[in-house]
Amino acid sequence: MSDVEYQNFMVFELLDTGERQKVEVEEVDLHSILAPEQVFVIVNEEIRRIYIWKGAKSPVRKRFISSRVASGLQEELV
C-alpha cells in the first residue's frame, strides 16, 4: 500500500476488503464523488490534515476501517 506517490491533496476510497484505493480528483471537484454509501480518507498535506468522510449510508465496517487507514497514512506521511 505504500507505493503511492504523495501529493499535497489526495483522496483514498475504502474498498470492501479494507484496502485503500487512490482516487484521482481535483480538490475543487471533490464534492462530485462524495456519495452516501462511500467512505473516503482525504489528505491535505499542505495544512497537515487527514479527514475521514463517512457517508450516511456507508457500512459500519468501512467506518471503523477508515480510522485504521487514516492512522497508517499519518505514519507514512511523517
Foldseek 3Di string as FASTA:
>chain_A
DLPDDDDQKWKWWQDPVLDTDTDDDDPVCVVVPDDLQTWMWIHRVVVGDIDIDHHVNHDPVNVVSSVVVSVVVSVSVD
